[in-house]
Amino acid sequence: MWWRARADGVTVRIRVQPRARRAGLQGFVPGADGPRLKISVTEAPEDGRANRAVCAALARALGMPPSVATVEQGGAGREKVVFVAGNPEALGERLEALV
């Protein structure tokens, strides 16, 4: 499963493509621990800019403000776990609607 519910929100496994021509959600890619949502961002992976762009892109796709998403694991790598705060049931429905 590429996302998991928690009591206070959901975690989403992501593969990031920094410095892309176009930003956005690009479907799924295989990962060592299961599928990951691929998100492309135009920002370079410097000073946390790509991480902020990933959080903003995911939050925007879910119809939420960027402040609800934070990188929980993988801050310096391409494979990340992003936490999105909110109602887990509603977020799960929104995530499933993305695919």
PDB file of N, CA and C in Angstrom:
ATOM      1  N   MET A   1       0.848  -1.180   0.000  1.00  0.00           N
ATOM      2  CA  MET A   1       0.000   0.000   0.000  1.00  0.00           C
ATOM      3  C   MET A   1       0.893   1.242   0.000  1.00  0.00           C
ATOM      4  N   TRP A   2       0.576   2.201  -0.792  1.00  0.00           N
ATOM      5  CA  TRP A   2       1.403   3.402  -0.937  1.00  0.00           C
ATOM      6  C   TRP A   2       1.048   4.502   0.067  1.00  0.00           C
ATOM      7  N   TRP A   3      -0.044   4.312   0.813  1.00  0.00           N
ATOM      8  CA  TRP A   3      -0.384   5.242   1.884  1.00  0.00           C
ATOM      9  C   TRP A   3      -0.927   4.446   3.064  1.00  0.00           C
ATOM     10  N   ARG A   4      -0.802   5.043   4.256  1.00  0.00           N
ATOM     11  CA  ARG A   4      -1.283   4.391   5.478  1.00  0.00           C
ATOM     12  C   ARG A   4      -1.977   5.413   6.370  1.00  0.00           C
ATOM     13  N   ALA A   5      -3.058   4.973   6.969  1.00  0.00           N
ATOM     14  CA  ALA A   5      -3.802   5.833   7.894  1.00  0.00           C
ATOM     15  C   ALA A   5      -3.158   5.790   9.270  1.00  0.00           C
ATOM     16  N   ARG A   6      -3.165   6.923   9.936  1.00  0.00           N
ATOM     17  CA  ARG A   6      -2.769   7.044  11.334  1.00  0.00           C
ATOM     18  C   ARG A   6      -3.899   7.753  12.058  1.00  0.00           C
ATOM     19  N   ALA A   7      -3.810   7.843  13.346  1.00  0.00           N
ATOM     20  CA  ALA A   7      -4.879   8.478  14.126  1.00  0.00           C
ATOM     21  C   ALA A   7      -5.045   9.956  13.775  1.00  0.00           C
ATOM     22  N   ASP A   8      -3.938  10.620  13.417  1.00  0.00           N
ATOM     23  CA  ASP A   8      -3.976  12.065  13.173  1.00  0.00           C
ATOM     24  C   ASP A   8      -3.798  12.460  11.712  1.00  0.00           C
ATOM     25  N   GLY A   9      -3.836  11.487  10.799  1.00  0.00           N
ATOM     26  CA  GLY A   9      -3.666  11.786   9.379  1.00  0.00           C
ATOM     27  C   GLY A   9      -3.235  10.555   8.609  1.00  0.00           C
ATOM     28  N   VAL A  10      -2.479  10.768   7.534  1.00  0.00           N
ATOM     29  CA  VAL A  10      -1.991   9.657   6.718  1.00  0.00           C
ATOM     30  C   VAL A  10      -0.524   9.888   6.371  1.00  0.00           C
ATOM     31  N   THR A  11       0.181   8.789   6.099  1.00  0.00           N
ATOM     32  CA  THR A  11       1.526   8.881   5.549  1.00  0.00           C
ATOM     33  C   THR A  11       1.473   8.364   4.120  1.00  0.00           C
ATOM     34  N   VAL A  12       2.232   9.007   3.251  1.00  0.00           N
ATOM     35  CA  VAL A  12       2.239   8.667   1.832  1.00  0.00           C
ATOM     36  C   VAL A  12       3.676   8.405   1.411  1.00  0.00           C
ATOM     37  N   ARG A  13       3.912   7.259   0.767  1.00  0.00           N
ATOM     38  CA  ARG A  13       5.241   6.936   0.249  1.00  0.00           C
ATOM     39  C   ARG A  13       5.379   7.560  -1.132  1.00  0.00           C
ATOM     40  N   ILE A  14       6.449   8.321  -1.310  1.00  0.00           N
ATOM     41  CA  ILE A  14       6.628   9.127  -2.515  1.00  0.00           C
ATOM     42  C   ILE A  14       8.015   8.921  -3.095  1.00  0.00           C
ATOM     43  N   ARG A  15       8.084   8.986  -4.406  1.00  0.00           N
ATOM     44  CA  ARG A  15       9.359   9.053  -5.135  1.00  0.00           C
ATOM     45  C   ARG A  15       9.382  10.416  -5.817  1.00  0.00           C
ATOM     46  N   VAL A  16      10.415  11.207  -5.566  1.00  0.00           N
ATOM     47  CA  VAL A  16      10.490  12.578  -6.065  1.00  0.00           C
ATOM     48  C   VAL A  16      11.412  12.659  -7.269  1.00  0.00           C
ATOM     49  N   GLN A  17      10.986  13.435  -8.256  1.00  0.00           N
ATOM     50  CA  GLN A  17      11.849  13.771  -9.385  1.00  0.00           C
ATOM     51  C   GLN A  17      12.077  15.279  -9.341  1.00  0.00           C
ATOM     52  N   PRO A  18      13.219  15.713  -8.790  1.00  0.00           N
ATOM     53  CA  PRO A  18      13.501  17.150  -8.751  1.00  0.00           C
ATOM     54  C   PRO A  18      13.970  17.649 -10.117  1.00  0.00           C
ATOM     55  N   ARG A  19      13.938  18.959 -10.301  1.00  0.00           N
ATOM     56  CA  ARG A  19      14.382  19.612 -11.542  1.00  0.00           C
ATOM     57  C   ARG A  19      13.654  19.098 -12.780  1.00  0.00           C
ATOM     58  N   ALA A  20      12.389  18.786 -12.634  1.00  0.00           N
ATOM     59  CA  ALA A  20      11.601  18.302 -13.770  1.00  0.00           C
ATOM     60  C   ALA A  20      11.135  19.492 -14.612  1.00  0.00           C
ATOM     61  N   ARG A  21      10.799  19.222 -15.855  1.00  0.00           N
ATOM     62  CA  ARG A  21      10.272  20.291 -16.715  1.00  0.00           C
ATOM     63  C   ARG A  21       8.899  20.735 -16.255  1.00  0.00           C
ATOM     64  N   ARG A  22       8.085  19.750 -15.842  1.00  0.00           N
ATOM     65  CA  ARG A  22       6.732  20.042 -15.366  1.00  0.00           C
ATOM     66  C   ARG A  22       6.532  19.430 -13.993  1.00  0.00           C
ATOM     67  N   ALA A  23       5.867  20.172 -13.145  1.00  0.00           N
ATOM     68  CA  ALA A  23       5.571  19.674 -11.802  1.00  0.00           C
ATOM     69  C   ALA A  23       4.217  18.984 -11.795  1.00  0.00           C
ATOM     70  N   GLY A  24       4.084  17.981 -10.934  1.00  0.00           N
ATOM     71  CA  GLY A  24       2.797  17.327 -10.769  1.00  0.00           C
ATOM     72  C   GLY A  24       2.928  15.875 -10.383  1.00  0.00           C
ATOM     73  N   LEU A  25       1.784  15.237 -10.187  1.00  0.00           N
ATOM     74  CA  LEU A  25       1.736  13.820  -9.861  1.00  0.00           C
ATOM     75  C   LEU A  25       1.882  13.024 -11.148  1.00  0.00           C
ATOM     76  N   GLN A  26       2.733  12.011 -11.124  1.00  0.00           N
ATOM     77  CA  GLN A  26       3.079  11.266 -12.329  1.00  0.00           C
ATOM     78  C   GLN A  26       2.708   9.788 -12.266  1.00  0.00           C
ATOM     79  N   GLY A  27       1.828   9.396 -11.390  1.00  0.00           N
ATOM     80  CA  GLY A  27       1.452   7.989 -11.292  1.00  0.00           C
ATOM     81  C   GLY A  27       2.265   7.278 -10.231  1.00  0.00           C
ATOM     82  N   PHE A  28       2.544   6.000 -10.481  1.00  0.00           N
ATOM     83  CA  PHE A  28       3.232   5.181  -9.490  1.00  0.00           C
ATOM     84  C   PHE A  28       4.493   4.565 -10.056  1.00  0.00           C
ATOM     85  N   VAL A  29       5.456   4.342  -9.181  1.00  0.00           N
ATOM     86  CA  VAL A  29       6.692   3.648  -9.522  1.00  0.00           C
ATOM     87  C   VAL A  29       6.931   2.581  -8.457  1.00  0.00           C
ATOM     88  N   PRO A  30       7.588   1.482  -8.831  1.00  0.00           N
ATOM     89  CA  PRO A  30       7.879   0.452  -7.826  1.00  0.00           C
ATOM     90  C   PRO A  30       8.986   0.914  -6.881  1.00  0.00           C
ATOM     91  N   GLY A  31       8.875   0.511  -5.644  1.00  0.00           N
ATOM     92  CA  GLY A  31       9.900   0.787  -4.649  1.00  0.00           C
ATOM     93  C   GLY A  31      10.281  -0.500  -3.950  1.00  0.00           C
ATOM     94  N   ALA A  32      11.331  -0.467  -3.170  1.00  0.00           N
ATOM     95  CA  ALA A  32      11.783  -1.661  -2.462  1.00  0.00           C
ATOM     96  C   ALA A  32      10.726  -2.155  -1.477  1.00  0.00           C
ATOM     97  N   ASP A  33       9.921  -1.244  -0.949  1.00  0.00           N
ATOM     98  CA  ASP A  33       8.905  -1.605   0.041  1.00  0.00           C
ATOM     99  C   ASP A  33       7.487  -1.459  -0.499  1.00  0.00           C
ATOM    100  N   GLY A  34       7.328  -1.501  -1.809  1.00  0.00           N
ATOM    101  CA  GLY A  34       6.006  -1.395  -2.420  1.00  0.00           C
ATOM    102  C   GLY A  34       5.914  -0.184  -3.332  1.00  0.00           C
ATOM    103  N   PRO A  35       4.749   0.029  -3.921  1.00  0.00           N
ATOM    104  CA  PRO A  35       4.607   1.146  -4.857  1.00  0.00           C
ATOM    105  C   PRO A  35       4.704   2.501  -4.159  1.00  0.00           C
ATOM    106  N   ARG A  36       5.158   3.483  -4.919  1.00  0.00           N
ATOM    107  CA  ARG A  36       5.279   4.852  -4.422  1.00  0.00           C
ATOM    108  C   ARG A  36       4.638   5.802  -5.419  1.00  0.00           C
ATOM    109  N   LEU A  37       4.022   6.841  -4.906  1.00  0.00           N
ATOM    110  CA  LEU A  37       3.465   7.893  -5.739  1.00  0.00           C
ATOM    111  C   LEU A  37       4.622   8.741  -6.247  1.00  0.00           C
ATOM    112  N   LYS A  38       4.690   8.948  -7.562  1.00  0.00           N
ATOM    113  CA  LYS A  38       5.767   9.755  -8.128  1.00  0.00           C
ATOM    114  C   LYS A  38       5.281  11.192  -8.267  1.00  0.00           C
ATOM    115  N   ILE A  39       6.066  12.110  -7.710  1.00  0.00           N
ATOM    116  CA  ILE A  39       5.769  13.535  -7.808  1.00  0.00           C
ATOM    117  C   ILE A  39       6.979  14.232  -8.413  1.00  0.00           C
ATOM    118  N   SER A  40       6.747  14.965  -9.496  1.00  0.00           N
ATOM    119  CA  SER A  40       7.796  15.755 -10.129  1.00  0.00           C
ATOM    120  C   SER A  40       7.679  17.194  -9.661  1.00  0.00           C
ATOM    121  N   VAL A  41       8.830  17.804  -9.379  1.00  0.00           N
ATOM    122  CA  VAL A  41       8.868  19.216  -8.991  1.00  0.00           C
ATOM    123  C   VAL A  41       9.952  19.912  -9.802  1.00  0.00           C
ATOM    124  N   THR A  42       9.761  21.177 -10.073  1.00  0.00           N
ATOM    125  CA  THR A  42      10.737  21.924 -10.868  1.00  0.00           C
ATOM    126  C   THR A  42      11.894  22.430 -10.018  1.00  0.00           C
ATOM    127  N   GLU A  43      11.745  22.447  -8.724  1.00  0.00           N
ATOM    128  CA  GLU A  43      12.774  22.955  -7.827  1.00  0.00           C
ATOM    129  C   GLU A  43      13.948  21.988  -7.711  1.00  0.00           C
ATOM    130  N   ALA A  44      15.115  22.554  -7.447  1.00  0.00           N
ATOM    131  CA  ALA A  44      16.317  21.759  -7.217  1.00  0.00           C
ATOM    132  C   ALA A  44      16.315  21.255  -5.774  1.00  0.00           C
ATOM    133  N   PRO A  45      16.976  20.125  -5.535  1.00  0.00           N
ATOM    134  CA  PRO A  45      17.028  19.590  -4.167  1.00  0.00           C
ATOM    135  C   PRO A  45      18.081  20.304  -3.316  1.00  0.00           C
ATOM    136  N   GLU A  46      17.906  21.596  -3.140  1.00  0.00           N
ATOM    137  CA  GLU A  46      18.849  22.405  -2.369  1.00  0.00           C
ATOM    138  C   GLU A  46      18.095  23.186  -1.303  1.00  0.00           C
ATOM    139  N   ASP A  47      18.633  23.202  -0.104  1.00  0.00           N
ATOM    140  CA  ASP A  47      18.059  23.974   1.007  1.00  0.00           C
ATOM    141  C   ASP A  47      16.601  23.632   1.283  1.00  0.00           C
ATOM    142  N   GLY A  48      16.184  22.400   0.999  1.00  0.00           N
ATOM    143  CA  GLY A  48      14.825  21.973   1.295  1.00  0.00           C
ATOM    144  C   GLY A  48      13.765  22.468   0.326  1.00  0.00           C
ATOM    145  N   ARG A  49      14.179  23.112  -0.775  1.00  0.00           N
ATOM    146  CA  ARG A  49      13.191  23.648  -1.723  1.00  0.00           C
ATOM    147  C   ARG A  49      12.367  22.550  -2.369  1.00  0.00           C
ATOM    148  N   ALA A  50      13.008  21.459  -2.778  1.00  0.00           N
ATOM    149  CA  ALA A  50      12.266  20.358  -3.408  1.00  0.00           C
ATOM    150  C   ALA A  50      11.317  19.708  -2.398  1.00  0.00           C
ATOM    151  N   ASN A  51      11.746  19.565  -1.155  1.00  0.00           N
ATOM    152  CA  ASN A  51      10.868  18.988  -0.125  1.00  0.00           C
ATOM    153  C   ASN A  51       9.629  19.852   0.083  1.00  0.00           C
ATOM    154  N   ARG A  52       9.816  21.159   0.151  1.00  0.00           N
ATOM    155  CA  ARG A  52       8.667  22.057   0.309  1.00  0.00           C
ATOM    156  C   ARG A  52       7.744  21.975  -0.904  1.00  0.00           C
ATOM    157  N   ALA A  53       8.324  21.857  -2.092  1.00  0.00           N
ATOM    158  CA  ALA A  53       7.513  21.758  -3.306  1.00  0.00           C
ATOM    159  C   ALA A  53       6.725  20.452  -3.342  1.00  0.00           C
ATOM    160  N   VAL A  54       7.328  19.359  -2.882  1.00  0.00           N
ATOM    161  CA  VAL A  54       6.635  18.069  -2.830  1.00  0.00           C
ATOM    162  C   VAL A  54       5.445  18.152  -1.874  1.00  0.00           C
ATOM    163  N   CYS A  55       5.668  18.709  -0.702  1.00  0.00           N
ATOM    164  CA  CYS A  55       4.581  18.845   0.278  1.00  0.00           C
ATOM    165  C   CYS A  55       3.464  19.717  -0.279  1.00  0.00           C
ATOM    166  N   ALA A  56       3.828  20.803  -0.944  1.00  0.00           N
ATOM    167  CA  ALA A  56       2.821  21.700  -1.514  1.00  0.00           C
ATOM    168  C   ALA A  56       2.047  21.012  -2.630  1.00  0.00           C
ATOM    169  N   ALA A  57       2.739  20.242  -3.480  1.00  0.00           N
ATOM    170  CA  ALA A  57       2.071  19.558  -4.592  1.00  0.00           C
ATOM    171  C   ALA A  57       1.092  18.507  -4.081  1.00  0.00           C
ATOM    172  N   LEU A  58       1.507  17.738  -3.080  1.00  0.00           N
ATOM    173  CA  LEU A  58       0.621  16.717  -2.529  1.00  0.00           C
ATOM    174  C   LEU A  58      -0.586  17.360  -1.845  1.00  0.00           C
ATOM    175  N   ALA A  59      -0.349  18.381  -1.047  1.00  0.00           N
ATOM    176  CA  ALA A  59      -1.450  19.065  -0.361  1.00  0.00           C
ATOM    177  C   ALA A  59      -2.414  19.678  -1.373  1.00  0.00           C
ATOM    178  N   ARG A  60      -1.881  20.299  -2.413  1.00  0.00           N
ATOM    179  CA  ARG A  60      -2.720  20.908  -3.447  1.00  0.00           C
ATOM    180  C   ARG A  60      -3.575  19.855  -4.140  1.00  0.00           C
ATOM    181  N   ALA A  61      -2.991  18.692  -4.433  1.00  0.00           N
ATOM    182  CA  ALA A  61      -3.740  17.607  -5.079  1.00  0.00           C
ATOM    183  C   ALA A  61      -4.869  17.103  -4.185  1.00  0.00           C
ATOM    184  N   LEU A  62      -4.684  17.212  -2.874  1.00  0.00           N
ATOM    185  CA  LEU A  62      -5.708  16.779  -1.921  1.00  0.00           C
ATOM    186  C   LEU A  62      -6.680  17.900  -1.568  1.00  0.00           C
ATOM    187  N   GLY A  63      -6.463  19.091  -2.130  1.00  0.00           N
ATOM    188  CA  GLY A  63      -7.341  20.221  -1.845  1.00  0.00           C
ATOM    189  C   GLY A  63      -7.146  20.793  -0.459  1.00  0.00           C
ATOM    190  N   MET A  64      -5.906  20.760   0.019  1.00  0.00           N
ATOM    191  CA  MET A  64      -5.606  21.223   1.373  1.00  0.00           C
ATOM    192  C   MET A  64      -4.471  22.236   1.325  1.00  0.00           C
ATOM    193  N   PRO A  65      -4.281  23.023   2.390  1.00  0.00           N
ATOM    194  CA  PRO A  65      -3.171  23.974   2.415  1.00  0.00           C
ATOM    195  C   PRO A  65      -1.836  23.249   2.571  1.00  0.00           C
ATOM    196  N   PRO A  66      -0.760  23.811   2.025  1.00  0.00           N
ATOM    197  CA  PRO A  66       0.556  23.162   2.109  1.00  0.00           C
ATOM    198  C   PRO A  66       1.044  22.911   3.529  1.00  0.00           C
ATOM    199  N   SER A  67       0.551  23.654   4.480  1.00  0.00           N
ATOM    200  CA  SER A  67       1.030  23.515   5.861  1.00  0.00           C
ATOM    201  C   SER A  67       0.654  22.184   6.503  1.00  0.00           C
ATOM    202  N   VAL A  68      -0.268  21.424   5.912  1.00  0.00           N
ATOM    203  CA  VAL A  68      -0.678  20.153   6.514  1.00  0.00           C
ATOM    204  C   VAL A  68       0.268  19.009   6.161  1.00  0.00           C
ATOM    205  N   ALA A  69       1.169  19.210   5.196  1.00  0.00           N
ATOM    206  CA  ALA A  69       2.063  18.139   4.740  1.00  0.00           C
ATOM    207  C   ALA A  69       3.494  18.419   5.176  1.00  0.00           C
ATOM    208  N   THR A  70       4.153  17.386   5.710  1.00  0.00           N
ATOM    209  CA  THR A  70       5.549  17.501   6.121  1.00  0.00           C
ATOM    210  C   THR A  70       6.290  16.224   5.755  1.00  0.00           C
ATOM    211  N   VAL A  71       7.568  16.368   5.422  1.00  0.00           N
ATOM    212  CA  VAL A  71       8.402  15.203   5.137  1.00  0.00           C
ATOM    213  C   VAL A  71       8.754  14.558   6.466  1.00  0.00           C
ATOM    214  N   GLU A  72       8.385  13.284   6.600  1.00  0.00           N
ATOM    215  CA  GLU A  72       8.617  12.561   7.848  1.00  0.00           C
ATOM    216  C   GLU A  72       9.894  11.721   7.777  1.00  0.00           C
ATOM    217  N   GLN A  73      10.176  11.163   6.602  1.00  0.00           N
ATOM    218  CA  GLN A  73      11.385  10.357   6.393  1.00  0.00           C
ATOM    219  C   GLN A  73      11.937  10.655   5.010  1.00  0.00           C
ATOM    220  N   GLY A  74      13.256  10.553   4.869  1.00  0.00           N
ATOM    221  CA  GLY A  74      13.872  10.698   3.558  1.00  0.00           C
ATOM    222  C   GLY A  74      14.104  12.126   3.124  1.00  0.00           C
ATOM    223  N   GLY A  75      14.350  13.015   4.051  1.00  0.00           N
ATOM    224  CA  GLY A  75      14.531  14.418   3.715  1.00  0.00           C
ATOM    225  C   GLY A  75      15.628  14.695   2.712  1.00  0.00           C
ATOM    226  N   ALA A  76      16.656  13.856   2.661  1.00  0.00           N
ATOM    227  CA  ALA A  76      17.771  14.097   1.749  1.00  0.00           C
ATOM    228  C   ALA A  76      17.779  13.146   0.556  1.00  0.00           C
ATOM    229  N   GLY A  77      16.788  12.281   0.434  1.00  0.00           N
ATOM    230  CA  GLY A  77      16.762  11.320  -0.669  1.00  0.00           C
ATOM    231  C   GLY A  77      15.571  11.523  -1.574  1.00  0.00           C
ATOM    232  N   ARG A  78      15.508  10.736  -2.622  1.00  0.00           N
ATOM    233  CA  ARG A  78      14.381  10.822  -3.557  1.00  0.00           C
ATOM    234  C   ARG A  78      13.157  10.079  -3.041  1.00  0.00           C
ATOM    235  N   GLU A  79      13.372   9.032  -2.265  1.00  0.00           N
ATOM    236  CA  GLU A  79      12.248   8.284  -1.696  1.00  0.00           C
ATOM    237  C   GLU A  79      11.933   8.862  -0.327  1.00  0.00           C
ATOM    238  N   LYS A  80      10.685   9.280  -0.161  1.00  0.00           N
ATOM    239  CA  LYS A  80      10.278   9.973   1.053  1.00  0.00           C
ATOM    240  C   LYS A  80       8.989   9.392   1.604  1.00  0.00           C
ATOM    241  N   VAL A  81       8.750   9.659   2.861  1.00  0.00           N
ATOM    242  CA  VAL A  81       7.455   9.417   3.482  1.00  0.00           C
ATOM    243  C   VAL A  81       6.968  10.782   3.940  1.00  0.00           C
ATOM    244  N   VAL A  82       5.809  11.185   3.419  1.00  0.00           N
ATOM    245  CA  VAL A  82       5.236  12.485   3.751  1.00  0.00           C
ATOM    246  C   VAL A  82       4.002  12.265   4.613  1.00  0.00           C
ATOM    247  N   PHE A  83       3.929  12.999   5.705  1.00  0.00           N
ATOM    248  CA  PHE A  83       2.769  12.943   6.588  1.00  0.00           C
ATOM    249  C   PHE A  83       1.822  14.079   6.232  1.00  0.00           C
ATOM    250  N   VAL A  84       0.535  13.748   6.117  1.00  0.00           N
ATOM    251  CA  VAL A  84      -0.501  14.749   5.864  1.00  0.00           C
ATOM    252  C   VAL A  84      -1.468  14.711   7.044  1.00  0.00           C
ATOM    253  N   ALA A  85      -1.567  15.820   7.754  1.00  0.00           N
ATOM    254  CA  ALA A  85      -2.445  15.902   8.924  1.00  0.00           C
ATOM    255  C   ALA A  85      -3.890  16.111   8.490  1.00  0.00           C
ATOM    256  N   GLY A  86      -4.793  15.466   9.217  1.00  0.00           N
ATOM    257  CA  GLY A  86      -6.212  15.628   8.940  1.00  0.00           C
ATOM    258  C   GLY A  86      -6.981  14.361   9.263  1.00  0.00           C
ATOM    259  N   ASN A  87      -8.228  14.328   8.847  1.00  0.00           N
ATOM    260  CA  ASN A  87      -9.089  13.168   9.054  1.00  0.00           C
ATOM    261  C   ASN A  87      -8.609  12.024   8.163  1.00  0.00           C
ATOM    262  N   PRO A  88      -8.159  10.902   8.738  1.00  0.00           N
ATOM    263  CA  PRO A  88      -7.599   9.824   7.929  1.00  0.00           C
ATOM    264  C   PRO A  88      -8.583   9.235   6.923  1.00  0.00           C
ATOM    265  N   GLU A  89      -9.849   9.131   7.298  1.00  0.00           N
ATOM    266  CA  GLU A  89     -10.835   8.557   6.371  1.00  0.00           C
ATOM    267  C   GLU A  89     -11.034   9.458   5.162  1.00  0.00           C
ATOM    268  N   ALA A  90     -11.191  10.748   5.397  1.00  0.00           N
ATOM    269  CA  ALA A  90     -11.388  11.694   4.296  1.00  0.00           C
ATOM    270  C   ALA A  90     -10.145  11.776   3.419  1.00  0.00           C
ATOM    271  N   LEU A  91      -8.970  11.788   4.046  1.00  0.00           N
ATOM    272  CA  LEU A  91      -7.732  11.840   3.274  1.00  0.00           C
ATOM    273  C   LEU A  91      -7.544  10.573   2.454  1.00  0.00           C
ATOM    274  N   GLY A  92      -7.882   9.423   3.026  1.00  0.00           N
ATOM    275  CA  GLY A  92      -7.789   8.167   2.289  1.00  0.00           C
ATOM    276  C   GLY A  92      -8.661   8.170   1.050  1.00  0.00           C
ATOM    277  N   GLU A  93      -9.873   8.694   1.181  1.00  0.00           N
ATOM    278  CA  GLU A  93     -10.767   8.785   0.023  1.00  0.00           C
ATOM    279  C   GLU A  93     -10.191   9.712  -1.039  1.00  0.00           C
ATOM    280  N   ARG A  94      -9.622  10.830  -0.615  1.00  0.00           N
ATOM    281  CA  ARG A  94      -9.029  11.773  -1.571  1.00  0.00           C
ATOM    282  C   ARG A  94      -7.816  11.167  -2.259  1.00  0.00           C
ATOM    283  N   LEU A  95      -6.998  10.425  -1.500  1.00  0.00           N
ATOM    284  CA  LEU A  95      -5.826   9.783  -2.097  1.00  0.00           C
ATOM    285  C   LEU A  95      -6.238   8.740  -3.127  1.00  0.00           C
ATOM    286  N   GLU A  96      -7.221   7.934  -2.800  1.00  0.00           N
ATOM    287  CA  GLU A  96      -7.679   6.910  -3.742  1.00  0.00           C
ATOM    288  C   GLU A  96      -8.287   7.540  -4.992  1.00  0.00           C
ATOM    289  N   ALA A  97      -8.877   8.724  -4.852  1.00  0.00           N
ATOM    290  CA  ALA A  97      -9.462   9.415  -6.003  1.00  0.00           C
ATOM    291  C   ALA A  97      -8.386   9.972  -6.936  1.00  0.00           C
ATOM    292  N   LEU A  98      -7.162  10.118  -6.445  1.00  0.00           N
ATOM    293  CA  LEU A  98      -6.075  10.635  -7.278  1.00  0.00           C
ATOM    294  C   LEU A  98      -5.674   9.660  -8.372  1.00  0.00           C
ATOM    295  N   VAL A  99      -5.881   8.381  -8.133  1.00  0.00           N
ATOM    296  CA  VAL A  99      -5.390   7.369  -9.088  1.00  0.00           C
ATOM    297  C   VAL A  99      -6.434   6.928 -10.065  1.00  0.00           C
TER     298      VAL A  99
END
